[in-house]
Amino acid sequence: MTDATITVIVLAFAIVMFVLERIPLAATAMIVALSLSVFRVLTPAQAFAGFVNSSVILFVGMFVISGALFETGMAAKAGRLY
């Protein structure tokens, strides 16, 4: 198979997994990066280069904080203020 065919198959898998959410979204992203690396479409450095970007780390932090706000009930309390 060509690199383009492998990429389209992996992309289709990612879309289905993101929509169905059968496994966590972070696990789906890691599977996509690993599979593109295993099939030698990308080098491991290319496949995981986006995970060290400061914007990605910022979004991960925001997800952690927002999850904590929902778990503690603070999001609901803040929503009732207005």
C-alpha atoms as a PDB file:
ATOM      1  CA  MET A   1       0.000   0.000   0.000  1.00  0.00           C
ATOM      2  CA  THR A   2       1.086   3.546  -0.598  1.00  0.00           C
ATOM      3  CA  ASP A   3       1.542   6.119   2.126  1.00  0.00           C
ATOM      4  CA  ALA A   4      -1.543   7.984   0.922  1.00  0.00           C
ATOM      5  CA  THR A   5      -3.731   4.877   1.205  1.00  0.00           C
ATOM      6  CA  ILE A   6      -2.489   4.126   4.720  1.00  0.00           C
ATOM      7  CA  THR A   7      -3.065   7.736   5.749  1.00  0.00           C
ATOM      8  CA  VAL A   8      -6.647   7.725   4.428  1.00  0.00           C
ATOM      9  CA  ILE A   9      -7.414   4.465   6.258  1.00  0.00           C
ATOM     10  CA  VAL A  10      -5.961   5.778   9.513  1.00  0.00           C
ATOM     11  CA  LEU A  11      -7.843   9.070   9.053  1.00  0.00           C
ATOM     12  CA  ALA A  12     -11.127   7.215   8.506  1.00  0.00           C
ATOM     13  CA  PHE A  13     -10.458   5.163  11.656  1.00  0.00           C
ATOM     14  CA  ALA A  14      -9.750   8.358  13.605  1.00  0.00           C
ATOM     15  CA  ILE A  15     -12.949  10.038  12.434  1.00  0.00           C
ATOM     16  CA  VAL A  16     -15.070   7.030  13.380  1.00  0.00           C
ATOM     17  CA  MET A  17     -13.404   6.718  16.787  1.00  0.00           C
ATOM     18  CA  PHE A  18     -13.732  10.457  17.508  1.00  0.00           C
ATOM     19  CA  VAL A  19     -17.444  10.382  16.628  1.00  0.00           C
ATOM     20  CA  LEU A  20     -18.314   7.164  18.493  1.00  0.00           C
ATOM     21  CA  GLU A  21     -16.022   7.806  21.486  1.00  0.00           C
ATOM     22  CA  ARG A  22     -15.706   4.076  22.217  1.00  0.00           C
ATOM     23  CA  ILE A  23     -12.238   4.698  23.565  1.00  0.00           C
ATOM     24  CA  PRO A  24     -10.971   7.966  25.096  1.00  0.00           C
ATOM     25  CA  LEU A  25     -10.099  10.717  22.641  1.00  0.00           C
ATOM     26  CA  ALA A  26      -6.517  10.903  23.869  1.00  0.00           C
ATOM     27  CA  ALA A  27      -6.096   7.172  23.252  1.00  0.00           C
ATOM     28  CA  THR A  28      -7.436   7.588  19.727  1.00  0.00           C
ATOM     29  CA  ALA A  29      -4.927  10.353  19.042  1.00  0.00           C
ATOM     30  CA  MET A  30      -2.086   8.199  20.347  1.00  0.00           C
ATOM     31  CA  ILE A  31      -3.216   5.214  18.240  1.00  0.00           C
ATOM     32  CA  VAL A  32      -3.236   7.403  15.126  1.00  0.00           C
ATOM     33  CA  ALA A  33       0.268   8.722  15.829  1.00  0.00           C
ATOM     34  CA  LEU A  34       1.576   5.243  16.637  1.00  0.00           C
ATOM     35  CA  SER A  35       0.018   3.637  13.579  1.00  0.00           C
ATOM     36  CA  LEU A  36       1.425   6.245  11.202  1.00  0.00           C
ATOM     37  CA  SER A  37       4.810   5.683  12.800  1.00  0.00           C
ATOM     38  CA  VAL A  38       4.556   1.873  12.695  1.00  0.00           C
ATOM     39  CA  PHE A  39       3.578   1.895   9.011  1.00  0.00           C
ATOM     40  CA  ARG A  40       6.516   4.252   8.359  1.00  0.00           C
ATOM     41  CA  VAL A  41       4.366   7.002   6.920  1.00  0.00           C
ATOM     42  CA  LEU A  42       5.975   9.334   9.465  1.00  0.00           C
ATOM     43  CA  THR A  43       9.111   9.065  11.524  1.00  0.00           C
ATOM     44  CA  PRO A  44       8.543   8.809  15.287  1.00  0.00           C
ATOM     45  CA  ALA A  45       9.911  12.338  15.703  1.00  0.00           C
ATOM     46  CA  GLN A  46       7.402  13.668  13.158  1.00  0.00           C
ATOM     47  CA  ALA A  47       4.520  11.665  14.594  1.00  0.00           C
ATOM     48  CA  PHE A  48       4.943  12.975  18.127  1.00  0.00           C
ATOM     49  CA  ALA A  49       6.283  16.475  17.425  1.00  0.00           C
ATOM     50  CA  GLY A  50       2.882  18.075  17.953  1.00  0.00           C
ATOM     51  CA  PHE A  51       2.550  16.772  21.491  1.00  0.00           C
ATOM     52  CA  VAL A  52       5.353  19.004  22.788  1.00  0.00           C
ATOM     53  CA  ASN A  53       3.898  22.186  21.327  1.00  0.00           C
ATOM     54  CA  SER A  54       3.090  24.728  24.039  1.00  0.00           C
ATOM     55  CA  SER A  55      -0.424  25.239  22.629  1.00  0.00           C
ATOM     56  CA  VAL A  56      -1.210  21.545  23.022  1.00  0.00           C
ATOM     57  CA  ILE A  57       0.045  21.588  26.603  1.00  0.00           C
ATOM     58  CA  LEU A  58      -2.125  24.654  27.272  1.00  0.00           C
ATOM     59  CA  PHE A  59      -5.229  22.860  25.952  1.00  0.00           C
ATOM     60  CA  VAL A  60      -4.476  19.785  28.058  1.00  0.00           C
ATOM     61  CA  GLY A  61      -4.230  21.994  31.129  1.00  0.00           C
ATOM     62  CA  MET A  62      -7.529  23.680  30.297  1.00  0.00           C
ATOM     63  CA  PHE A  63      -9.233  20.287  29.947  1.00  0.00           C
ATOM     64  CA  VAL A  64      -7.902  19.212  33.345  1.00  0.00           C
ATOM     65  CA  ILE A  65      -9.089  22.411  35.024  1.00  0.00           C
ATOM     66  CA  SER A  66     -12.511  22.324  33.355  1.00  0.00           C
ATOM     67  CA  GLY A  67     -12.938  18.669  34.301  1.00  0.00           C
ATOM     68  CA  ALA A  68     -12.161  19.537  37.900  1.00  0.00           C
ATOM     69  CA  LEU A  69     -14.679  22.392  37.829  1.00  0.00           C
ATOM     70  CA  PHE A  70     -17.410  20.075  36.566  1.00  0.00           C
ATOM     71  CA  GLU A  71     -16.558  17.316  39.057  1.00  0.00           C
ATOM     72  CA  THR A  72     -16.660  19.663  42.039  1.00  0.00           C
ATOM     73  CA  GLY A  73     -19.882  21.340  40.928  1.00  0.00           C
ATOM     74  CA  MET A  74     -18.330  24.775  40.590  1.00  0.00           C
ATOM     75  CA  ALA A  75     -19.370  25.005  36.930  1.00  0.00           C
ATOM     76  CA  ALA A  76     -23.027  24.541  37.877  1.00  0.00           C
ATOM     77  CA  LYS A  77     -22.736  27.143  40.656  1.00  0.00           C
ATOM     78  CA  ALA A  78     -21.130  29.625  38.282  1.00  0.00           C
ATOM     79  CA  GLY A  79     -23.893  28.975  35.750  1.00  0.00           C
ATOM     80  CA  ARG A  80     -26.581  29.806  38.299  1.00  0.00           C
ATOM     81  CA  LEU A  81     -25.088  33.215  39.071  1.00  0.00           C
ATOM     82  CA  TYR A  82     -26.475  34.808  35.917  1.00  0.00           C
END
